Amino acid sequence: MNIFRVFLAIIFPPLSVIDKGCGSFLITFILTICGWIPGVIGALVILNSSER
């Protein structure tokens, strides 16, 4: 994970996964609306799993 992406995932989670696809963006956006912490966790999981 890029350090900039991690920082962006903490500040505004949906913006950090916008290039991963529409589904990833929507999931992270919905989680962020439900609460900031679930959005951050979701964004970090998506960013971590996409590098493999």
C-alpha atoms as a PDB file:
ATOM      1  CA  MET A   1       0.000   0.000   0.000  1.00  0.00           C
ATOM      2  CA  ASN A   2       1.153   3.460  -0.833  1.00  0.00           C
ATOM      3  CA  ILE A   3       1.504   5.750   2.215  1.00  0.00           C
ATOM      4  CA  PHE A   4      -0.498   8.434   0.398  1.00  0.00           C
ATOM      5  CA  ARG A   5      -3.350   5.951  -0.152  1.00  0.00           C
ATOM      6  CA  VAL A   6      -3.328   4.978   3.527  1.00  0.00           C
ATOM      7  CA  PHE A   7      -3.453   8.624   4.563  1.00  0.00           C
ATOM      8  CA  LEU A   8      -6.269   9.243   2.084  1.00  0.00           C
ATOM      9  CA  ALA A   9      -8.137   6.181   3.364  1.00  0.00           C
ATOM     10  CA  ILE A  10      -8.027   7.618   6.877  1.00  0.00           C
ATOM     11  CA  ILE A  11      -9.165  11.099   5.831  1.00  0.00           C
ATOM     12  CA  PHE A  12     -11.794  10.227   3.176  1.00  0.00           C
ATOM     13  CA  PRO A  13     -12.097   6.480   2.512  1.00  0.00           C
ATOM     14  CA  PRO A  14     -14.144   6.482  -0.740  1.00  0.00           C
ATOM     15  CA  LEU A  15     -11.638   8.713  -2.507  1.00  0.00           C
ATOM     16  CA  SER A  16      -8.797   6.296  -1.834  1.00  0.00           C
ATOM     17  CA  VAL A  17     -10.491   3.406  -3.706  1.00  0.00           C
ATOM     18  CA  ILE A  18     -12.000   5.343  -6.601  1.00  0.00           C
ATOM     19  CA  ASP A  19      -9.688   3.741  -9.177  1.00  0.00           C
ATOM     20  CA  LYS A  20     -10.447   0.193  -7.945  1.00  0.00           C
ATOM     21  CA  GLY A  21     -13.873   0.164  -9.609  1.00  0.00           C
ATOM     22  CA  CYS A  22     -17.425   1.261  -9.038  1.00  0.00           C
ATOM     23  CA  GLY A  23     -18.249  -1.613  -6.689  1.00  0.00           C
ATOM     24  CA  SER A  24     -15.362  -0.859  -4.355  1.00  0.00           C
ATOM     25  CA  PHE A  25     -16.259   2.807  -4.327  1.00  0.00           C
ATOM     26  CA  LEU A  26     -19.922   2.113  -3.535  1.00  0.00           C
ATOM     27  CA  ILE A  27     -19.139  -0.353  -0.755  1.00  0.00           C
ATOM     28  CA  THR A  28     -16.697   2.055   0.854  1.00  0.00           C
ATOM     29  CA  PHE A  29     -19.090   4.968   0.420  1.00  0.00           C
ATOM     30  CA  ILE A  30     -21.970   3.085   2.080  1.00  0.00           C
ATOM     31  CA  LEU A  31     -19.710   1.978   4.932  1.00  0.00           C
ATOM     32  CA  THR A  32     -18.530   5.560   5.390  1.00  0.00           C
ATOM     33  CA  ILE A  33     -22.111   6.809   5.554  1.00  0.00           C
ATOM     34  CA  CYS A  34     -22.848   4.208   8.248  1.00  0.00           C
ATOM     35  CA  GLY A  35     -19.823   5.323  10.200  1.00  0.00           C
ATOM     36  CA  TRP A  36     -16.357   6.653   9.632  1.00  0.00           C
ATOM     37  CA  ILE A  37     -14.527   3.691  11.218  1.00  0.00           C
ATOM     38  CA  PRO A  38     -16.215   1.014   9.040  1.00  0.00           C
ATOM     39  CA  GLY A  39     -15.402   3.093   5.973  1.00  0.00           C
ATOM     40  CA  VAL A  40     -11.740   3.320   6.911  1.00  0.00           C
ATOM     41  CA  ILE A  41     -11.540  -0.407   7.626  1.00  0.00           C
ATOM     42  CA  GLY A  42     -13.277  -1.244   4.347  1.00  0.00           C
ATOM     43  CA  ALA A  43     -10.987   1.030   2.350  1.00  0.00           C
ATOM     44  CA  LEU A  44      -7.865  -0.434   3.938  1.00  0.00           C
ATOM     45  CA  VAL A  45      -9.067  -3.991   3.259  1.00  0.00           C
ATOM     46  CA  ILE A  46      -9.800  -3.164  -0.384  1.00  0.00           C
ATOM     47  CA  LEU A  47      -6.435  -1.424  -0.814  1.00  0.00           C
ATOM     48  CA  ASN A  48      -4.583  -4.313   0.831  1.00  0.00           C
ATOM     49  CA  SER A  49      -6.302  -7.063  -1.153  1.00  0.00           C
ATOM     50  CA  SER A  50      -5.905  -5.423  -4.559  1.00  0.00           C
ATOM     51  CA  GLU A  51      -2.086  -5.496  -4.532  1.00  0.00           C
ATOM     52  CA  ARG A  52      -1.836  -9.277  -4.813  1.00  0.00           C
END
